[in-house]
C-alpha atoms as a PDB file:
ATOM      1  CA  UNK A   1       0.131   0.057  -0.036  1.00  0.00           C
ATOM      2  CA  UNK A   2       1.153   3.501  -0.846  1.00  0.00           C
ATOM      3  CA  UNK A   3      -0.093   6.957   0.249  1.00  0.00           C
ATOM      4  CA  UNK A   4      -2.146   8.294  -2.683  1.00  0.00           C
ATOM      5  CA  UNK A   5      -2.108  12.213  -2.878  1.00  0.00           C
ATOM      6  CA  UNK A   6      -4.947  11.847  -5.504  1.00  0.00           C
ATOM      7  CA  UNK A   7      -7.133  10.589  -3.330  1.00  0.00           C
ATOM      8  CA  UNK A   8      -6.600  12.791  -0.562  1.00  0.00           C
ATOM      9  CA  UNK A   9      -7.008  15.487  -2.897  1.00  0.00           C
ATOM     10  CA  UNK A  10     -10.223  14.534  -4.098  1.00  0.00           C
ATOM     11  CA  UNK A  11     -11.640  14.074  -0.736  1.00  0.00           C
ATOM     12  CA  UNK A  12     -10.457  17.760   0.192  1.00  0.00           C
ATOM     13  CA  UNK A  13     -12.156  18.832  -3.297  1.00  0.00           C
ATOM     14  CA  UNK A  14     -15.301  17.203  -2.345  1.00  0.00           C
ATOM     15  CA  UNK A  15     -15.219  18.846   1.153  1.00  0.00           C
ATOM     16  CA  UNK A  16     -14.928  22.256  -0.383  1.00  0.00           C
ATOM     17  CA  UNK A  17     -17.991  21.733  -2.619  1.00  0.00           C
ATOM     18  CA  UNK A  18     -20.001  20.477   0.615  1.00  0.00           C
ATOM     19  CA  UNK A  19     -19.214  23.694   1.994  1.00  0.00           C
ATOM     20  CA  UNK A  20     -20.903  25.432  -0.504  1.00  0.00           C
ATOM     21  CA  UNK A  21     -23.761  23.165  -0.388  1.00  0.00           C
ATOM     22  CA  UNK A  22     -23.149  20.663  -3.831  1.00  0.00           C
ATOM     23  CA  UNK A  23     -23.972  17.658  -1.927  1.00  0.00           C
ATOM     24  CA  UNK A  24     -25.398  15.998  -4.910  1.00  0.00           C
ATOM     25  CA  UNK A  25     -22.728  17.341  -7.090  1.00  0.00           C
ATOM     26  CA  UNK A  26     -20.401  15.169  -5.028  1.00  0.00           C
ATOM     27  CA  UNK A  27     -22.647  12.034  -4.880  1.00  0.00           C
ATOM     28  CA  UNK A  28     -23.014  12.199  -8.283  1.00  0.00           C
ATOM     29  CA  UNK A  29     -19.436  12.515  -9.521  1.00  0.00           C
ATOM     30  CA  UNK A  30     -17.694  10.507  -6.442  1.00  0.00           C
ATOM     31  CA  UNK A  31     -20.041   7.031  -6.197  1.00  0.00           C
ATOM     32  CA  UNK A  32     -20.220   4.002  -8.233  1.00  0.00           C
ATOM     33  CA  UNK A  33     -23.120   3.011  -9.834  1.00  0.00           C
ATOM     34  CA  UNK A  34     -21.744  -0.646  -9.582  1.00  0.00           C
ATOM     35  CA  UNK A  35     -23.747  -3.205  -7.744  1.00  0.00           C
ATOM     36  CA  UNK A  36     -22.324  -3.494  -4.134  1.00  0.00           C
ATOM     37  CA  UNK A  37     -21.878   0.019  -3.632  1.00  0.00           C
ATOM     38  CA  UNK A  38     -22.733   1.109   0.233  1.00  0.00           C
ATOM     39  CA  UNK A  39     -23.153   3.847   2.494  1.00  0.00           C
ATOM     40  CA  UNK A  40     -23.689   3.317   6.432  1.00  0.00           C
ATOM     41  CA  UNK A  41     -23.929   6.227   8.457  1.00  0.00           C
ATOM     42  CA  UNK A  42     -24.705   7.217  12.331  1.00  0.00           C
ATOM     43  CA  UNK A  43     -28.542   6.244  12.661  1.00  0.00           C
ATOM     44  CA  UNK A  44     -28.933   2.687  13.083  1.00  0.00           C
ATOM     45  CA  UNK A  45     -31.222   2.717  10.154  1.00  0.00           C
ATOM     46  CA  UNK A  46     -28.653   4.646   7.843  1.00  0.00           C
ATOM     47  CA  UNK A  47     -27.694   1.480   5.849  1.00  0.00           C
ATOM     48  CA  UNK A  48     -27.808   2.134   2.068  1.00  0.00           C
ATOM     49  CA  UNK A  49     -27.381  -0.001  -0.810  1.00  0.00           C
ATOM     50  CA  UNK A  50     -27.126   0.942  -4.425  1.00  0.00           C
ATOM     51  CA  UNK A  51     -26.273   4.636  -6.088  1.00  0.00           C
ATOM     52  CA  UNK A  52     -30.177   5.335  -6.173  1.00  0.00           C
ATOM     53  CA  UNK A  53     -31.043   4.814  -2.545  1.00  0.00           C
ATOM     54  CA  UNK A  54     -27.452   6.778  -1.730  1.00  0.00           C
ATOM     55  CA  UNK A  55     -28.308   9.708  -3.702  1.00  0.00           C
ATOM     56  CA  UNK A  56     -31.839   9.769  -2.276  1.00  0.00           C
ATOM     57  CA  UNK A  57     -30.235   9.726   1.545  1.00  0.00           C
ATOM     58  CA  UNK A  58     -28.117  12.573   0.592  1.00  0.00           C
ATOM     59  CA  UNK A  59     -31.087  14.711  -1.464  1.00  0.00           C
ATOM     60  CA  UNK A  60     -32.506  16.763   1.736  1.00  0.00           C
ATOM     61  CA  UNK A  61     -28.875  18.086   2.526  1.00  0.00           C
ATOM     62  CA  UNK A  62     -28.266  19.491  -0.986  1.00  0.00           C
ATOM     63  CA  UNK A  63     -28.072  23.178  -1.051  1.00  0.00           C
ATOM     64  CA  UNK A  64     -27.022  23.436   2.438  1.00  0.00           C
ATOM     65  CA  UNK A  65     -23.265  24.336   2.921  1.00  0.00           C
ATOM     66  CA  UNK A  66     -21.507  22.457   5.611  1.00  0.00           C
ATOM     67  CA  UNK A  67     -19.050  23.658   7.910  1.00  0.00           C
ATOM     68  CA  UNK A  68     -16.265  20.954   7.938  1.00  0.00           C
ATOM     69  CA  UNK A  69     -12.822  21.085   9.549  1.00  0.00           C
ATOM     70  CA  UNK A  70     -10.717  18.276   8.633  1.00  0.00           C
ATOM     71  CA  UNK A  71      -8.250  17.435  11.365  1.00  0.00           C
ATOM     72  CA  UNK A  72      -6.859  14.216  10.044  1.00  0.00           C
ATOM     73  CA  UNK A  73      -7.057  12.687   6.481  1.00  0.00           C
ATOM     74  CA  UNK A  74      -5.008   9.902   5.151  1.00  0.00           C
ATOM     75  CA  UNK A  75      -5.231   8.395   1.698  1.00  0.00           C
ATOM     76  CA  UNK A  76      -3.763   5.013   0.340  1.00  0.00           C
ATOM     77  CA  UNK A  77      -3.930   2.708  -2.845  1.00  0.00           C
ATOM     78  CA  UNK A  78      -2.833  -0.157  -4.382  1.00  0.00           C
ATOM     79  CA  UNK A  79      -3.670  -0.682  -7.812  1.00  0.00           C
ATOM     80  CA  UNK A  80      -7.069   0.168  -8.605  1.00  0.00           C
ATOM     81  CA  UNK A  81      -8.325   0.122  -5.160  1.00  0.00           C
ATOM     82  CA  UNK A  82      -7.959   2.923  -2.458  1.00  0.00           C
ATOM     83  CA  UNK A  83      -9.126   4.059   0.627  1.00  0.00           C
ATOM     84  CA  UNK A  84      -9.240   7.126   2.682  1.00  0.00           C
ATOM     85  CA  UNK A  85      -9.854   7.820   6.772  1.00  0.00           C
ATOM     86  CA  UNK A  86     -10.490  11.047   8.140  1.00  0.00           C
ATOM     87  CA  UNK A  87     -11.576  12.622  11.330  1.00  0.00           C
ATOM     88  CA  UNK A  88     -13.449  16.165  10.713  1.00  0.00           C
ATOM     89  CA  UNK A  89     -15.495  18.343  13.161  1.00  0.00           C
ATOM     90  CA  UNK A  90     -18.708  19.122  11.466  1.00  0.00           C
ATOM     91  CA  UNK A  91     -20.065  22.439  13.119  1.00  0.00           C
ATOM     92  CA  UNK A  92     -24.099  22.699  13.244  1.00  0.00           C
ATOM     93  CA  UNK A  93     -25.928  25.461  12.860  1.00  0.00           C
ATOM     94  CA  UNK A  94     -26.494  26.140  16.526  1.00  0.00           C
ATOM     95  CA  UNK A  95     -22.709  26.543  16.637  1.00  0.00           C
ATOM     96  CA  UNK A  96     -22.292  22.864  18.103  1.00  0.00           C
ATOM     97  CA  UNK A  97     -19.298  20.885  16.933  1.00  0.00           C
ATOM     98  CA  UNK A  98     -19.483  17.159  16.197  1.00  0.00           C
ATOM     99  CA  UNK A  99     -16.346  15.125  15.559  1.00  0.00           C
ATOM    100  CA  UNK A 100     -17.154  12.599  12.557  1.00  0.00           C
ATOM    101  CA  UNK A 101     -15.053   9.968  11.322  1.00  0.00           C
ATOM    102  CA  UNK A 102     -15.132   8.404   7.656  1.00  0.00           C
ATOM    103  CA  UNK A 103     -13.638   5.295   6.151  1.00  0.00           C
ATOM    104  CA  UNK A 104     -14.078   5.369   2.131  1.00  0.00           C
ATOM    105  CA  UNK A 105     -13.112   2.650  -0.027  1.00  0.00           C
ATOM    106  CA  UNK A 106     -12.716   3.259  -3.688  1.00  0.00           C
ATOM    107  CA  UNK A 107     -12.195   1.456  -7.233  1.00  0.00           C
ATOM    108  CA  UNK A 108     -10.844   3.079 -10.317  1.00  0.00           C
ATOM    109  CA  UNK A 109     -13.277   3.087 -12.911  1.00  0.00           C
ATOM    110  CA  UNK A 110     -12.086   4.177 -16.395  1.00  0.00           C
ATOM    111  CA  UNK A 111      -9.458   6.150 -14.850  1.00  0.00           C
ATOM    112  CA  UNK A 112     -11.778   7.483 -12.296  1.00  0.00           C
ATOM    113  CA  UNK A 113     -11.771   7.059  -8.631  1.00  0.00           C
ATOM    114  CA  UNK A 114     -15.147   6.221  -7.207  1.00  0.00           C
ATOM    115  CA  UNK A 115     -16.511   5.387  -3.887  1.00  0.00           C
ATOM    116  CA  UNK A 116     -18.114   1.850  -3.539  1.00  0.00           C
ATOM    117  CA  UNK A 117     -18.238   2.133   0.399  1.00  0.00           C
ATOM    118  CA  UNK A 118     -18.442   4.928   2.909  1.00  0.00           C
ATOM    119  CA  UNK A 119     -18.489   4.209   6.559  1.00  0.00           C
ATOM    120  CA  UNK A 120     -19.455   7.555   8.518  1.00  0.00           C
ATOM    121  CA  UNK A 121     -19.720   7.717  12.213  1.00  0.00           C
ATOM    122  CA  UNK A 122     -20.278  10.322  15.117  1.00  0.00           C
ATOM    123  CA  UNK A 123     -17.357   9.700  17.545  1.00  0.00           C
ATOM    124  CA  UNK A 124     -18.799   9.216  21.050  1.00  0.00           C
ATOM    125  CA  UNK A 125     -17.165   8.402  24.524  1.00  0.00           C
ATOM    126  CA  UNK A 126     -17.347   4.503  25.387  1.00  0.00           C
ATOM    127  CA  UNK A 127     -18.911   5.666  28.524  1.00  0.00           C
ATOM    128  CA  UNK A 128     -22.158   6.809  26.474  1.00  0.00           C
ATOM    129  CA  UNK A 129     -22.666   3.572  24.992  1.00  0.00           C
ATOM    130  CA  UNK A 130     -22.463   1.532  28.086  1.00  0.00           C
ATOM    131  CA  UNK A 131     -19.067   0.112  28.173  1.00  0.00           C
END
Protein backbone atom coordinates (compact mmCIF):
# COMPACT_ATOMS: atom_id res chain seq x y z
CA UNK A 1 0.00 0.00 0.00
CA UNK A 2 1.19 3.45 -0.89
CA UNK A 3 0.12 6.94 0.15
CA UNK A 4 -2.30 8.28 -2.46
CA UNK A 5 -2.23 12.08 -2.88
CA UNK A 6 -4.79 11.80 -5.71
CA UNK A 7 -7.44 10.38 -3.37
CA UNK A 8 -6.54 12.81 -0.61
CA UNK A 9 -7.02 15.73 -2.99
CA UNK A 10 -10.32 14.28 -4.24
CA UNK A 11 -11.72 14.11 -0.70
CA UNK A 12 -10.53 17.66 0.05
CA UNK A 13 -12.16 18.91 -3.17
CA UNK A 14 -15.38 17.18 -2.18
CA UNK A 15 -15.31 18.87 1.23
CA UNK A 16 -14.94 22.23 -0.54
CA UNK A 17 -17.99 21.47 -2.70
CA UNK A 18 -19.97 20.36 0.35
CA UNK A 19 -19.06 23.63 2.09
CA UNK A 20 -20.83 25.47 -0.72
CA UNK A 21 -23.89 23.19 -0.56
CA UNK A 22 -23.11 21.04 -3.61
CA UNK A 23 -23.92 17.81 -1.82
CA UNK A 24 -25.59 16.01 -4.74
CA UNK A 25 -22.83 17.10 -7.10
CA UNK A 26 -20.39 15.29 -4.82
CA UNK A 27 -22.56 12.17 -4.73
CA UNK A 28 -23.07 12.14 -8.51
CA UNK A 29 -19.39 12.57 -9.26
CA UNK A 30 -17.98 10.36 -6.51
CA UNK A 31 -20.13 7.27 -6.01
CA UNK A 32 -19.97 4.17 -8.16
CA UNK A 33 -23.06 2.91 -9.97
CA UNK A 34 -21.88 -0.68 -9.63
CA UNK A 35 -23.74 -3.29 -7.64
CA UNK A 36 -22.51 -3.47 -4.07
CA UNK A 37 -21.94 0.24 -3.46
CA UNK A 38 -22.87 1.01 0.16
CA UNK A 39 -23.18 3.88 2.60
CA UNK A 40 -23.42 3.28 6.33
CA UNK A 41 -24.10 6.38 8.41
CA UNK A 42 -24.64 7.05 12.09
CA UNK A 43 -28.32 6.28 12.65
CA UNK A 44 -29.09 2.59 13.18
CA UNK A 45 -31.35 2.75 10.09
CA UNK A 46 -28.73 4.45 7.92
CA UNK A 47 -27.69 1.51 5.75
CA UNK A 48 -27.99 2.23 2.05
CA UNK A 49 -27.19 -0.14 -0.79
CA UNK A 50 -27.07 1.03 -4.38
CA UNK A 51 -26.37 4.37 -6.00
CA UNK A 52 -30.02 5.49 -6.14
CA UNK A 53 -30.65 4.90 -2.43
CA UNK A 54 -27.46 6.78 -1.53
CA UNK A 55 -28.46 9.69 -3.76
CA UNK A 56 -31.91 9.72 -2.16
CA UNK A 57 -30.37 9.78 1.34
CA UNK A 58 -28.35 12.91 0.52
CA UNK A 59 -31.12 14.81 -1.32
CA UNK A 60 -32.47 16.70 1.74
CA UNK A 61 -28.99 18.11 2.50
CA UNK A 62 -28.38 19.49 -1.00
CA UNK A 63 -28.04 23.26 -1.06
CA UNK A 64 -27.02 23.47 2.58
CA UNK A 65 -23.37 24.33 3.03
CA UNK A 66 -21.49 22.23 5.54
CA UNK A 67 -18.97 23.78 7.92
CA UNK A 68 -16.33 21.06 8.05
CA UNK A 69 -12.83 21.28 9.50
CA UNK A 70 -10.52 18.42 8.58
CA UNK A 71 -8.38 17.26 11.50
CA UNK A 72 -6.82 14.15 9.94
CA UNK A 73 -7.05 12.80 6.40
CA UNK A 74 -5.03 9.84 5.16
CA UNK A 75 -5.30 8.19 1.77
CA UNK A 76 -3.77 5.01 0.40
CA UNK A 77 -4.03 2.96 -2.76
CA UNK A 78 -2.85 -0.28 -4.26
CA UNK A 79 -3.57 -0.83 -7.93
CA UNK A 80 -7.16 0.10 -8.73
CA UNK A 81 -8.31 0.06 -5.07
CA UNK A 82 -7.87 2.91 -2.61
CA UNK A 83 -9.16 4.03 0.74
CA UNK A 84 -9.30 7.13 2.87
CA UNK A 85 -9.79 7.61 6.58
CA UNK A 86 -10.47 10.93 8.19
CA UNK A 87 -11.56 12.74 11.30
CA UNK A 88 -13.38 16.02 10.83
CA UNK A 89 -15.38 18.43 12.93
CA UNK A 90 -18.82 19.33 11.60
CA UNK A 91 -20.11 22.62 12.97
CA UNK A 92 -23.90 22.66 13.13
CA UNK A 93 -26.02 25.75 12.53
CA UNK A 94 -26.51 26.10 16.31
CA UNK A 95 -22.73 26.31 16.80
CA UNK A 96 -22.32 22.81 18.23
CA UNK A 97 -19.40 20.83 16.79
CA UNK A 98 -19.65 17.11 16.17
CA UNK A 99 -16.60 14.88 15.65
CA UNK A 100 -17.19 12.81 12.52
CA UNK A 101 -15.13 9.92 11.17
CA UNK A 102 -15.17 8.47 7.67
CA UNK A 103 -13.76 5.37 6.07
CA UNK A 104 -14.14 5.32 2.29
CA UNK A 105 -13.17 2.57 -0.11
CA UNK A 106 -12.60 3.57 -3.73
CA UNK A 107 -12.26 1.63 -6.96
CA UNK A 108 -10.78 3.07 -10.10
CA UNK A 109 -13.34 2.96 -12.91
CA UNK A 110 -12.15 4.14 -16.33
CA UNK A 111 -9.32 6.18 -14.76
CA UNK A 112 -11.67 7.83 -12.23
CA UNK A 113 -11.81 7.00 -8.52
CA UNK A 114 -15.33 6.08 -7.37
CA UNK A 115 -16.56 5.37 -3.85
CA UNK A 116 -17.80 1.80 -3.45
CA UNK A 117 -18.16 1.96 0.33
CA UNK A 118 -18.47 4.84 2.80
CA UNK A 119 -18.84 4.46 6.55
CA UNK A 120 -19.62 7.61 8.55
CA UNK A 121 -19.78 7.72 12.33
CA UNK A 122 -20.09 10.28 15.07
CA UNK A 123 -17.39 9.75 17.65
CA UNK A 124 -18.86 9.26 21.11
CA UNK A 125 -17.13 8.31 24.37
CA UNK A 126 -17.29 4.64 25.31
CA UNK A 127 -19.02 5.59 28.56
CA UNK A 128 -21.99 6.89 26.64
CA UNK A 129 -22.62 3.52 25.01
CA UNK A 130 -22.47 1.50 28.21
CA UNK A 131 -18.99 0.03 28.18
